[in-house]
Amino acid sequence: MEKWDVVVIGGGVGGCTAAMYAVRYGMKAAIVEMLLPGGQIATATTVENYPGFPEGIEGPELARRVHEQALAFGVEVISAEATEIAAGPEGKWLVKTSNGDIETVAAIIATGAYPRSLQVPGEKELRGHGVSYCATCDGFFYRGQTVAVAGGGNAAAEEALYLAHIAEKVYVIHRRDELRADKYLQKRLFEAKNIEILWNSVVAAIEGDGEVERLQLRNTQTEELSYIEVQGIFVAIGYIAKTEWLAELLELTDGFIVTDRLMRTNQAGIMACGDIRNTPLRQIATAVGDAAIAAFSAHKYVSEWRAERQPGQ
């Protein structure tokens, strides 16, 4: 059985960063990734808000570069799906995968999260061409245009308020007759002159020839169909974190891993970073920052583990 100082579960930008920092700390590090490395960023068209790329960079290209950098650092990538983390020998952890068990002193979980989709016609086809899941990522492209936000919670309200400073007109599409967002956010929405809330409505289809041009809406009370002309739609109905396999081990909140400011979970030797943890902001920059801190905590834990079991070394 291969033995490691730290195993990073998840090969996105955050996972690769954590592994690189682990190697720089002198640890033997590996990444367990079930799909192609890159994570969510590999599905993005253009990334314009990540430092160092004034002209922007294609999401797949950024994912490729970060992955290649990790390999250049000496990080090994293990193609497998992690299915469980269990107690191992000598105070270590066993990362159980689809290709066998991996023994490690510390583990960093960086499997990310993905936005909930509307699952309507046109959404998949026009993703990245007017369909977005992040206003802070893509709002800049819609300066002076008309956009819509689907959702009624805090995330949707915050997206709409952010876009109101960029777009000419913002529709908020909500399936009920009252919002779920906090009252102070609702007050700001109602006061914004260029935000219009479409009550009792859901998106039935997203239409356009290569780019989003209009939305078909369905009234949830009358079933009546209508259309609005928009250049973009921002879906803000929550994120999904695949943490069912960790539910018996780690403390979770709404499915996301609870960490302290040093990215440590409630289990000694297990850290989490990026979108998988309970963070208020899910961005590449924050995932990278989390990853550096997680690697620092992993190094501290591994150093203490060695000192206890291998005195004088």
C-alpha atoms as a PDB file:
ATOM      1  CA  MET A   1       0.000   0.000   0.000  1.00  0.00           C
ATOM      2  CA  GLU A   2       1.322   3.423  -0.997  1.00  0.00           C
ATOM      3  CA  LYS A   3       1.834   5.693   2.008  1.00  0.00           C
ATOM      4  CA  TRP A   4       1.662   9.476   1.940  1.00  0.00           C
ATOM      5  CA  ASP A   5       2.108  12.436   4.229  1.00  0.00           C
ATOM      6  CA  VAL A   6      -0.938  14.161   2.781  1.00  0.00           C
ATOM      7  CA  VAL A   7      -3.580  13.112   0.286  1.00  0.00           C
ATOM      8  CA  VAL A   8      -5.662  15.799  -1.391  1.00  0.00           C
ATOM      9  CA  ILE A   9      -9.086  14.638  -2.518  1.00  0.00           C
ATOM     10  CA  GLY A  10     -10.120  16.654  -5.539  1.00  0.00           C
ATOM     11  CA  GLY A  11      -8.028  17.858  -8.455  1.00  0.00           C
ATOM     12  CA  GLY A  12      -9.469  21.304  -9.101  1.00  0.00           C
ATOM     13  CA  VAL A  13      -7.535  24.535  -8.800  1.00  0.00           C
ATOM     14  CA  GLY A  14      -7.843  24.431  -5.003  1.00  0.00           C
ATOM     15  CA  GLY A  15      -6.787  20.797  -4.757  1.00  0.00           C
ATOM     16  CA  CYS A  16      -3.786  21.280  -7.027  1.00  0.00           C
ATOM     17  CA  THR A  17      -2.733  24.364  -5.077  1.00  0.00           C
ATOM     18  CA  ALA A  18      -2.967  22.520  -1.753  1.00  0.00           C
ATOM     19  CA  ALA A  19      -0.853  19.673  -3.128  1.00  0.00           C
ATOM     20  CA  MET A  20       1.778  22.072  -4.504  1.00  0.00           C
ATOM     21  CA  TYR A  21       2.080  23.844  -1.170  1.00  0.00           C
ATOM     22  CA  ALA A  22       2.299  20.486   0.599  1.00  0.00           C
ATOM     23  CA  VAL A  23       5.273  19.506  -1.577  1.00  0.00           C
ATOM     24  CA  ARG A  24       6.929  22.851  -0.887  1.00  0.00           C
ATOM     25  CA  TYR A  25       6.611  22.058   2.813  1.00  0.00           C
ATOM     26  CA  GLY A  26       8.602  18.883   2.159  1.00  0.00           C
ATOM     27  CA  MET A  27       5.687  16.466   2.312  1.00  0.00           C
ATOM     28  CA  LYS A  28       4.970  13.535   0.040  1.00  0.00           C
ATOM     29  CA  ALA A  29       1.665  14.476  -1.548  1.00  0.00           C
ATOM     30  CA  ALA A  30      -0.854  12.938  -3.900  1.00  0.00           C
ATOM     31  CA  ILE A  31      -4.147  14.029  -5.451  1.00  0.00           C
ATOM     32  CA  VAL A  32      -7.095  11.662  -5.775  1.00  0.00           C
ATOM     33  CA  GLU A  33      -9.301  12.735  -8.692  1.00  0.00           C
ATOM     34  CA  MET A  34     -12.072  10.712 -10.304  1.00  0.00           C
ATOM     35  CA  LEU A  35     -12.512  12.943 -13.359  1.00  0.00           C
ATOM     36  CA  LEU A  36     -10.259  15.135 -15.448  1.00  0.00           C
ATOM     37  CA  PRO A  37      -8.328  17.620 -13.284  1.00  0.00           C
ATOM     38  CA  GLY A  38      -9.588  21.177 -13.185  1.00  0.00           C
ATOM     39  CA  GLY A  39     -12.879  20.994 -11.361  1.00  0.00           C
ATOM     40  CA  GLN A  40     -15.611  23.547 -12.057  1.00  0.00           C
ATOM     41  CA  ILE A  41     -13.199  25.995 -13.659  1.00  0.00           C
ATOM     42  CA  ALA A  42     -12.651  23.574 -16.533  1.00  0.00           C
ATOM     43  CA  THR A  43     -16.265  24.243 -17.597  1.00  0.00           C
ATOM     44  CA  ALA A  44     -15.916  28.040 -17.627  1.00  0.00           C
ATOM     45  CA  THR A  45     -15.522  29.867 -20.909  1.00  0.00           C
ATOM     46  CA  THR A  46     -13.474  32.923 -19.918  1.00  0.00           C
ATOM     47  CA  VAL A  47     -12.096  33.793 -16.485  1.00  0.00           C
ATOM     48  CA  GLU A  48     -11.481  37.516 -16.119  1.00  0.00           C
ATOM     49  CA  ASN A  49     -11.249  38.054 -12.372  1.00  0.00           C
ATOM     50  CA  TYR A  50      -8.274  35.843 -11.524  1.00  0.00           C
ATOM     51  CA  PRO A  51      -5.072  37.849 -10.904  1.00  0.00           C
ATOM     52  CA  GLY A  52      -2.288  37.683 -13.462  1.00  0.00           C
ATOM     53  CA  PHE A  53      -4.396  37.436 -16.614  1.00  0.00           C
ATOM     54  CA  PRO A  54      -5.358  40.986 -17.678  1.00  0.00           C
ATOM     55  CA  GLU A  55      -6.832  39.721 -20.946  1.00  0.00           C
ATOM     56  CA  GLY A  56      -8.663  36.864 -19.231  1.00  0.00           C
ATOM     57  CA  ILE A  57      -8.018  33.166 -19.709  1.00  0.00           C
ATOM     58  CA  GLU A  58     -10.121  30.261 -20.859  1.00  0.00           C
ATOM     59  CA  GLY A  59     -11.295  28.078 -17.974  1.00  0.00           C
ATOM     60  CA  PRO A  60      -9.953  24.806 -19.443  1.00  0.00           C
ATOM     61  CA  GLU A  61      -6.603  26.473 -20.135  1.00  0.00           C
ATOM     62  CA  LEU A  62      -6.289  27.708 -16.546  1.00  0.00           C
ATOM     63  CA  ALA A  63      -7.214  24.242 -15.268  1.00  0.00           C
ATOM     64  CA  ARG A  64      -4.594  22.654 -17.538  1.00  0.00           C
ATOM     65  CA  ARG A  65      -1.851  25.030 -16.427  1.00  0.00           C
ATOM     66  CA  VAL A  66      -2.534  24.511 -12.726  1.00  0.00           C
ATOM     67  CA  HIS A  67      -2.610  20.732 -13.195  1.00  0.00           C
ATOM     68  CA  GLU A  68       0.670  20.748 -15.127  1.00  0.00           C
ATOM     69  CA  GLN A  69       2.246  22.943 -12.450  1.00  0.00           C
ATOM     70  CA  ALA A  70       1.254  20.433  -9.772  1.00  0.00           C
ATOM     71  CA  LEU A  71       2.816  17.593 -11.773  1.00  0.00           C
ATOM     72  CA  ALA A  72       5.976  19.655 -12.227  1.00  0.00           C
ATOM     73  CA  PHE A  73       6.173  20.022  -8.444  1.00  0.00           C
ATOM     74  CA  GLY A  74       6.207  16.256  -8.120  1.00  0.00           C
ATOM     75  CA  VAL A  75       2.601  15.729  -7.065  1.00  0.00           C
ATOM     76  CA  GLU A  76       1.237  12.322  -8.066  1.00  0.00           C
ATOM     77  CA  VAL A  77      -2.312  12.149  -9.403  1.00  0.00           C
ATOM     78  CA  ILE A  78      -4.261   8.979  -8.581  1.00  0.00           C
ATOM     79  CA  SER A  79      -7.265   8.385 -10.838  1.00  0.00           C
ATOM     80  CA  ALA A  80      -9.938   7.071  -8.491  1.00  0.00           C
ATOM     81  CA  GLU A  81     -13.099   8.015  -6.634  1.00  0.00           C
ATOM     82  CA  ALA A  82     -12.769   8.496  -2.886  1.00  0.00           C
ATOM     83  CA  THR A  83     -15.587   6.650  -1.140  1.00  0.00           C
ATOM     84  CA  GLU A  84     -14.682   6.815   2.553  1.00  0.00           C
ATOM     85  CA  ILE A  85     -12.149   8.127   5.038  1.00  0.00           C
ATOM     86  CA  ALA A  86     -11.558   5.805   7.983  1.00  0.00           C
ATOM     87  CA  ALA A  87      -9.152   5.524  10.880  1.00  0.00           C
ATOM     88  CA  GLY A  88      -5.921   3.781   9.906  1.00  0.00           C
ATOM     89  CA  PRO A  89      -2.873   2.374  11.701  1.00  0.00           C
ATOM     90  CA  GLU A  90      -0.598   4.485  13.913  1.00  0.00           C
ATOM     91  CA  GLY A  91      -3.041   7.378  14.025  1.00  0.00           C
ATOM     92  CA  LYS A  92      -3.121   7.709  10.258  1.00  0.00           C
ATOM     93  CA  TRP A  93      -6.118   7.876   7.938  1.00  0.00           C
ATOM     94  CA  LEU A  94      -7.208   5.425   5.268  1.00  0.00           C
ATOM     95  CA  VAL A  95      -8.689   7.023   2.165  1.00  0.00           C
ATOM     96  CA  LYS A  96     -10.763   4.282   0.616  1.00  0.00           C
ATOM     97  CA  THR A  97     -11.159   4.616  -3.146  1.00  0.00           C
ATOM     98  CA  SER A  98     -12.535   2.773  -6.143  1.00  0.00           C
ATOM     99  CA  ASN A  99      -8.967   1.581  -6.811  1.00  0.00           C
ATOM    100  CA  GLY A 100      -8.028   0.507  -3.290  1.00  0.00           C
ATOM    101  CA  ASP A 101      -7.033   2.031   0.039  1.00  0.00           C
ATOM    102  CA  ILE A 102      -4.517   4.837   0.465  1.00  0.00           C
ATOM    103  CA  GLU A 103      -2.716   5.376   3.768  1.00  0.00           C
ATOM    104  CA  THR A 104      -1.962   8.962   4.746  1.00  0.00           C
ATOM    105  CA  VAL A 105      -1.123  11.008   7.814  1.00  0.00           C
ATOM    106  CA  ALA A 106      -3.288  13.967   6.766  1.00  0.00           C
ATOM    107  CA  ALA A 107      -6.026  14.555   4.219  1.00  0.00           C
ATOM    108  CA  ILE A 108      -7.300  17.701   2.525  1.00  0.00           C
ATOM    109  CA  ILE A 109     -10.776  17.576   1.004  1.00  0.00           C
ATOM    110  CA  ALA A 110     -11.122  19.829  -2.029  1.00  0.00           C
ATOM    111  CA  THR A 111     -13.914  18.217  -4.017  1.00  0.00           C
ATOM    112  CA  GLY A 112     -15.731  21.490  -4.586  1.00  0.00           C
ATOM    113  CA  ALA A 113     -19.411  22.090  -5.186  1.00  0.00           C
ATOM    114  CA  TYR A 114     -21.514  22.704  -8.226  1.00  0.00           C
ATOM    115  CA  PRO A 115     -24.430  25.079  -8.762  1.00  0.00           C
ATOM    116  CA  ARG A 116     -27.958  23.750  -8.930  1.00  0.00           C
ATOM    117  CA  SER A 117     -29.316  23.984 -12.428  1.00  0.00           C
ATOM    118  CA  LEU A 118     -32.784  24.893 -13.624  1.00  0.00           C
ATOM    119  CA  GLN A 119     -32.882  21.799 -15.829  1.00  0.00           C
ATOM    120  CA  VAL A 120     -34.844  23.535 -18.560  1.00  0.00           C
ATOM    121  CA  PRO A 121     -34.434  23.484 -22.351  1.00  0.00           C
ATOM    122  CA  GLY A 122     -31.602  25.693 -23.554  1.00  0.00           C
ATOM    123  CA  GLU A 123     -29.753  25.896 -20.232  1.00  0.00           C
ATOM    124  CA  LYS A 124     -27.050  23.379 -21.057  1.00  0.00           C
ATOM    125  CA  GLU A 125     -26.676  24.512 -24.656  1.00  0.00           C
ATOM    126  CA  LEU A 126     -26.253  28.198 -23.757  1.00  0.00           C
ATOM    127  CA  ARG A 127     -24.132  27.777 -20.647  1.00  0.00           C
ATOM    128  CA  GLY A 128     -21.278  30.246 -20.970  1.00  0.00           C
ATOM    129  CA  HIS A 129     -23.173  32.059 -23.710  1.00  0.00           C
ATOM    130  CA  GLY A 130     -25.589  33.992 -21.555  1.00  0.00           C
ATOM    131  CA  VAL A 131     -26.286  31.372 -18.909  1.00  0.00           C
ATOM    132  CA  SER A 132     -24.163  31.930 -15.805  1.00  0.00           C
ATOM    133  CA  TYR A 133     -24.104  30.824 -12.188  1.00  0.00           C
ATOM    134  CA  CYS A 134     -21.891  33.590 -10.804  1.00  0.00           C
ATOM    135  CA  ALA A 135     -22.517  37.319 -11.103  1.00  0.00           C
ATOM    136  CA  THR A 136     -19.141  38.305  -9.673  1.00  0.00           C
ATOM    137  CA  CYS A 137     -17.517  36.089 -12.300  1.00  0.00           C
ATOM    138  CA  ASP A 138     -19.503  37.105 -15.384  1.00  0.00           C
ATOM    139  CA  GLY A 139     -21.499  40.226 -14.556  1.00  0.00           C
ATOM    140  CA  PHE A 140     -18.928  42.473 -16.213  1.00  0.00           C
ATOM    141  CA  PHE A 141     -19.941  41.134 -19.643  1.00  0.00           C
ATOM    142  CA  TYR A 142     -23.461  42.566 -19.273  1.00  0.00           C
ATOM    143  CA  ARG A 143     -22.729  46.222 -18.638  1.00  0.00           C
ATOM    144  CA  GLY A 144     -25.665  48.306 -19.838  1.00  0.00           C
ATOM    145  CA  GLN A 145     -27.698  45.246 -20.833  1.00  0.00           C
ATOM    146  CA  THR A 146     -30.791  43.455 -19.515  1.00  0.00           C
ATOM    147  CA  VAL A 147     -30.344  40.347 -17.401  1.00  0.00           C
ATOM    148  CA  ALA A 148     -32.376  38.078 -15.145  1.00  0.00           C
ATOM    149  CA  VAL A 149     -31.685  36.298 -11.883  1.00  0.00           C
ATOM    150  CA  ALA A 150     -33.537  33.084 -11.080  1.00  0.00           C
ATOM    151  CA  GLY A 151     -34.078  32.513  -7.364  1.00  0.00           C
ATOM    152  CA  GLY A 152     -35.509  34.094  -4.247  1.00  0.00           C
ATOM    153  CA  GLY A 153     -33.020  33.484  -1.452  1.00  0.00           C
ATOM    154  CA  ASN A 154     -30.055  35.467  -0.160  1.00  0.00           C
ATOM    155  CA  ALA A 155     -27.803  34.343  -2.996  1.00  0.00           C
ATOM    156  CA  ALA A 156     -30.275  35.509  -5.638  1.00  0.00           C
ATOM    157  CA  ALA A 157     -30.816  38.836  -3.896  1.00  0.00           C
ATOM    158  CA  GLU A 158     -27.090  39.467  -3.622  1.00  0.00           C
ATOM    159  CA  GLU A 159     -26.560  38.536  -7.280  1.00  0.00           C
ATOM    160  CA  ALA A 160     -29.329  40.919  -8.360  1.00  0.00           C
ATOM    161  CA  LEU A 161     -27.996  43.792  -6.249  1.00  0.00           C
ATOM    162  CA  TYR A 162     -24.508  43.257  -7.627  1.00  0.00           C
ATOM    163  CA  LEU A 163     -25.793  43.202 -11.194  1.00  0.00           C
ATOM    164  CA  ALA A 164     -27.914  46.314 -10.616  1.00  0.00           C
ATOM    165  CA  HIS A 165     -24.694  48.354 -10.570  1.00  0.00           C
ATOM    166  CA  ILE A 166     -23.659  46.928 -13.935  1.00  0.00           C
ATOM    167  CA  ALA A 167     -26.729  46.104 -16.010  1.00  0.00           C
ATOM    168  CA  GLU A 168     -29.368  48.529 -17.223  1.00  0.00           C
ATOM    169  CA  LYS A 169     -32.235  46.278 -16.091  1.00  0.00           C
ATOM    170  CA  VAL A 170     -32.379  43.267 -13.757  1.00  0.00           C
ATOM    171  CA  TYR A 171     -35.339  40.910 -13.486  1.00  0.00           C
ATOM    172  CA  VAL A 172     -35.621  38.663 -10.430  1.00  0.00           C
ATOM    173  CA  ILE A 173     -37.667  35.570 -11.235  1.00  0.00           C
ATOM    174  CA  HIS A 174     -39.184  33.882  -8.193  1.00  0.00           C
ATOM    175  CA  ARG A 175     -41.635  31.007  -8.006  1.00  0.00           C
ATOM    176  CA  ARG A 176     -43.514  32.362  -4.979  1.00  0.00           C
ATOM    177  CA  ASP A 177     -45.214  35.613  -3.990  1.00  0.00           C
ATOM    178  CA  GLU A 178     -42.644  36.480  -1.355  1.00  0.00           C
ATOM    179  CA  LEU A 179     -38.866  36.223  -1.180  1.00  0.00           C
ATOM    180  CA  ARG A 180     -36.888  33.967   1.129  1.00  0.00           C
ATOM    181  CA  ALA A 181     -34.016  36.457   1.331  1.00  0.00           C
ATOM    182  CA  ASP A 182     -33.269  38.295   4.567  1.00  0.00           C
ATOM    183  CA  LYS A 183     -35.397  41.392   5.148  1.00  0.00           C
ATOM    184  CA  TYR A 184     -32.530  43.841   4.763  1.00  0.00           C
ATOM    185  CA  LEU A 185     -31.736  42.375   1.342  1.00  0.00           C
ATOM    186  CA  GLN A 186     -35.392  42.519   0.345  1.00  0.00           C
ATOM    187  CA  LYS A 187     -35.524  46.185   1.320  1.00  0.00           C
ATOM    188  CA  ARG A 188     -32.545  46.948  -0.899  1.00  0.00           C
ATOM    189  CA  LEU A 189     -34.102  45.017  -3.789  1.00  0.00           C
ATOM    190  CA  PHE A 190     -37.388  46.902  -3.526  1.00  0.00           C
ATOM    191  CA  GLU A 191     -35.563  50.229  -3.393  1.00  0.00           C
ATOM    192  CA  ALA A 192     -33.396  49.552  -6.484  1.00  0.00           C
ATOM    193  CA  LYS A 193     -34.876  51.448  -9.429  1.00  0.00           C
ATOM    194  CA  ASN A 194     -33.623  49.030 -12.104  1.00  0.00           C
ATOM    195  CA  ILE A 195     -34.668  45.765 -10.413  1.00  0.00           C
ATOM    196  CA  GLU A 196     -38.071  44.263 -11.197  1.00  0.00           C
ATOM    197  CA  ILE A 197     -39.350  41.175  -9.393  1.00  0.00           C
ATOM    198  CA  LEU A 198     -41.484  38.764 -11.402  1.00  0.00           C
ATOM    199  CA  TRP A 199     -43.588  36.960  -8.801  1.00  0.00           C
ATOM    200  CA  ASN A 200     -45.031  33.461  -9.089  1.00  0.00           C
ATOM    201  CA  SER A 201     -42.843  32.723 -12.092  1.00  0.00           C
ATOM    202  CA  VAL A 202     -40.315  30.107 -13.122  1.00  0.00           C
ATOM    203  CA  VAL A 203     -38.080  29.810 -16.169  1.00  0.00           C
ATOM    204  CA  ALA A 204     -39.614  27.273 -18.554  1.00  0.00           C
ATOM    205  CA  ALA A 205     -37.009  27.606 -21.323  1.00  0.00           C
ATOM    206  CA  ILE A 206     -33.968  29.639 -22.298  1.00  0.00           C
ATOM    207  CA  GLU A 207     -33.899  30.635 -25.943  1.00  0.00           C
ATOM    208  CA  GLY A 208     -31.440  32.199 -28.359  1.00  0.00           C
ATOM    209  CA  ASP A 209     -29.385  31.578 -31.467  1.00  0.00           C
ATOM    210  CA  GLY A 210     -25.951  30.893 -30.010  1.00  0.00           C
ATOM    211  CA  GLU A 211     -26.496  33.471 -27.243  1.00  0.00           C
ATOM    212  CA  VAL A 212     -29.298  34.021 -24.747  1.00  0.00           C
ATOM    213  CA  GLU A 213     -31.971  36.254 -26.252  1.00  0.00           C
ATOM    214  CA  ARG A 214     -35.163  35.571 -24.325  1.00  0.00           C
ATOM    215  CA  LEU A 215     -36.670  33.549 -21.491  1.00  0.00           C
ATOM    216  CA  GLN A 216     -39.926  31.672 -21.556  1.00  0.00           C
ATOM    217  CA  LEU A 217     -41.632  32.039 -18.181  1.00  0.00           C
ATOM    218  CA  ARG A 218     -44.428  30.004 -16.668  1.00  0.00           C
ATOM    219  CA  ASN A 219     -46.775  31.432 -14.063  1.00  0.00           C
ATOM    220  CA  THR A 220     -46.884  28.992 -11.155  1.00  0.00           C
ATOM    221  CA  GLN A 221     -50.513  29.827 -10.370  1.00  0.00           C
ATOM    222  CA  THR A 222     -52.129  30.137 -13.793  1.00  0.00           C
ATOM    223  CA  GLU A 223     -49.681  28.072 -15.925  1.00  0.00           C
ATOM    224  CA  GLU A 224     -49.726  30.960 -18.410  1.00  0.00           C
ATOM    225  CA  LEU A 225     -46.591  31.310 -20.553  1.00  0.00           C
ATOM    226  CA  SER A 226     -44.890  34.632 -21.279  1.00  0.00           C
ATOM    227  CA  TYR A 227     -41.551  35.936 -22.585  1.00  0.00           C
ATOM    228  CA  ILE A 228     -38.979  38.501 -21.518  1.00  0.00           C
ATOM    229  CA  GLU A 229     -36.061  39.709 -23.626  1.00  0.00           C
ATOM    230  CA  VAL A 230     -32.709  39.391 -21.839  1.00  0.00           C
ATOM    231  CA  GLN A 231     -29.058  39.026 -22.784  1.00  0.00           C
ATOM    232  CA  GLY A 232     -28.153  36.896 -19.796  1.00  0.00           C
ATOM    233  CA  ILE A 233     -29.586  34.830 -16.973  1.00  0.00           C
ATOM    234  CA  PHE A 234     -27.895  34.153 -13.651  1.00  0.00           C
ATOM    235  CA  VAL A 235     -29.078  31.004 -11.890  1.00  0.00           C
ATOM    236  CA  ALA A 236     -28.906  31.438  -8.104  1.00  0.00           C
ATOM    237  CA  ILE A 237     -30.822  28.569  -6.576  1.00  0.00           C
ATOM    238  CA  GLY A 238     -28.030  27.150  -4.456  1.00  0.00           C
ATOM    239  CA  TYR A 239     -25.023  24.854  -4.614  1.00  0.00           C
ATOM    240  CA  ILE A 240     -24.700  21.117  -4.145  1.00  0.00           C
ATOM    241  CA  ALA A 241     -21.772  19.566  -2.308  1.00  0.00           C
ATOM    242  CA  LYS A 242     -21.257  15.824  -2.595  1.00  0.00           C
ATOM    243  CA  THR A 243     -20.506  15.133   1.041  1.00  0.00           C
ATOM    244  CA  GLU A 244     -22.854  12.218   1.770  1.00  0.00           C
ATOM    245  CA  TRP A 245     -19.832   9.928   2.049  1.00  0.00           C
ATOM    246  CA  LEU A 246     -18.438  12.162   4.814  1.00  0.00           C
ATOM    247  CA  ALA A 247     -21.627  12.683   6.815  1.00  0.00           C
ATOM    248  CA  GLU A 248     -20.705  10.167   9.534  1.00  0.00           C
ATOM    249  CA  LEU A 249     -17.181  11.552   9.906  1.00  0.00           C
ATOM    250  CA  LEU A 250     -17.242  15.330   9.594  1.00  0.00           C
ATOM    251  CA  GLU A 251     -19.399  18.148  10.876  1.00  0.00           C
ATOM    252  CA  LEU A 252     -21.522  19.517   8.045  1.00  0.00           C
ATOM    253  CA  THR A 253     -23.877  22.448   7.655  1.00  0.00           C
ATOM    254  CA  ASP A 254     -26.329  22.377   4.753  1.00  0.00           C
ATOM    255  CA  GLY A 255     -24.112  19.684   3.268  1.00  0.00           C
ATOM    256  CA  PHE A 256     -20.917  21.760   3.428  1.00  0.00           C
ATOM    257  CA  ILE A 257     -17.907  20.966   5.604  1.00  0.00           C
ATOM    258  CA  VAL A 258     -17.456  23.095   8.714  1.00  0.00           C
ATOM    259  CA  THR A 259     -13.884  24.336   9.204  1.00  0.00           C
ATOM    260  CA  ASP A 260     -12.089  26.812  11.405  1.00  0.00           C
ATOM    261  CA  ARG A 261     -10.033  29.669  10.011  1.00  0.00           C
ATOM    262  CA  LEU A 262      -7.089  27.294   9.491  1.00  0.00           C
ATOM    263  CA  MET A 263      -9.273  24.990   7.347  1.00  0.00           C
ATOM    264  CA  ARG A 264      -9.277  22.291  10.045  1.00  0.00           C
ATOM    265  CA  THR A 265     -12.356  20.103  10.400  1.00  0.00           C
ATOM    266  CA  ASN A 266     -13.639  18.484  13.570  1.00  0.00           C
ATOM    267  CA  GLN A 267     -11.335  15.512  12.861  1.00  0.00           C
ATOM    268  CA  ALA A 268      -7.639  16.017  13.620  1.00  0.00           C
ATOM    269  CA  GLY A 269      -5.562  15.644  10.478  1.00  0.00           C
ATOM    270  CA  ILE A 270      -8.416  16.331   8.052  1.00  0.00           C
ATOM    271  CA  MET A 271      -8.651  19.734   6.414  1.00  0.00           C
ATOM    272  CA  ALA A 272     -11.025  21.117   3.777  1.00  0.00           C
ATOM    273  CA  CYS A 273     -10.651  23.984   1.344  1.00  0.00           C
ATOM    274  CA  GLY A 274     -12.534  25.773  -1.400  1.00  0.00           C
ATOM    275  CA  ASP A 275     -16.181  25.447  -2.352  1.00  0.00           C
ATOM    276  CA  ILE A 276     -16.735  22.249  -0.353  1.00  0.00           C
ATOM    277  CA  ARG A 277     -16.536  24.111   2.952  1.00  0.00           C
ATOM    278  CA  ASN A 278     -19.050  26.488   4.515  1.00  0.00           C
ATOM    279  CA  THR A 279     -17.745  29.644   2.890  1.00  0.00           C
ATOM    280  CA  PRO A 280     -19.689  32.805   2.016  1.00  0.00           C
ATOM    281  CA  LEU A 281     -17.833  33.269  -1.275  1.00  0.00           C
ATOM    282  CA  ARG A 282     -17.054  30.650  -3.925  1.00  0.00           C
ATOM    283  CA  GLN A 283     -14.346  32.019  -6.206  1.00  0.00           C
ATOM    284  CA  ILE A 284     -11.091  30.710  -7.654  1.00  0.00           C
ATOM    285  CA  ALA A 285      -9.123  33.247  -5.624  1.00  0.00           C
ATOM    286  CA  THR A 286     -10.703  32.198  -2.336  1.00  0.00           C
ATOM    287  CA  ALA A 287     -10.236  28.496  -3.127  1.00  0.00           C
ATOM    288  CA  VAL A 288      -6.532  29.094  -3.765  1.00  0.00           C
ATOM    289  CA  GLY A 289      -6.199  31.031  -0.513  1.00  0.00           C
ATOM    290  CA  ASP A 290      -8.011  28.290   1.393  1.00  0.00           C
ATOM    291  CA  ALA A 291      -5.726  25.696  -0.169  1.00  0.00           C
ATOM    292  CA  ALA A 292      -2.540  27.442   0.949  1.00  0.00           C
ATOM    293  CA  ILE A 293      -3.869  27.607   4.512  1.00  0.00           C
ATOM    294  CA  ALA A 294      -5.013  23.962   4.423  1.00  0.00           C
ATOM    295  CA  ALA A 295      -1.538  22.856   3.333  1.00  0.00           C
ATOM    296  CA  PHE A 296      -0.024  24.892   6.167  1.00  0.00           C
ATOM    297  CA  SER A 297      -2.300  23.169   8.678  1.00  0.00           C
ATOM    298  CA  ALA A 298      -1.547  19.765   7.169  1.00  0.00           C
ATOM    299  CA  HIS A 299       2.183  20.409   7.462  1.00  0.00           C
ATOM    300  CA  LYS A 300       1.814  21.423  11.106  1.00  0.00           C
ATOM    301  CA  TYR A 301      -0.221  18.290  11.827  1.00  0.00           C
ATOM    302  CA  VAL A 302       2.208  15.963  10.020  1.00  0.00           C
ATOM    303  CA  SER A 303       5.182  17.553  11.785  1.00  0.00           C
ATOM    304  CA  GLU A 304       3.547  16.979  15.174  1.00  0.00           C
ATOM    305  CA  TRP A 305       2.622  13.421  14.206  1.00  0.00           C
ATOM    306  CA  ARG A 306       6.243  12.684  13.283  1.00  0.00           C
ATOM    307  CA  ALA A 307       7.556  14.271  16.470  1.00  0.00           C
ATOM    308  CA  GLU A 308       5.311  12.080  18.612  1.00  0.00           C
ATOM    309  CA  ARG A 309       6.117   8.813  16.842  1.00  0.00           C
ATOM    310  CA  GLN A 310       9.624   9.417  15.565  1.00  0.00           C
ATOM    311  CA  PRO A 311      11.431  11.453  18.250  1.00  0.00           C
ATOM    312  CA  GLY A 312      14.693  12.945  17.130  1.00  0.00           C
ATOM    313  CA  GLN A 313      13.840  12.761  13.431  1.00  0.00           C
END
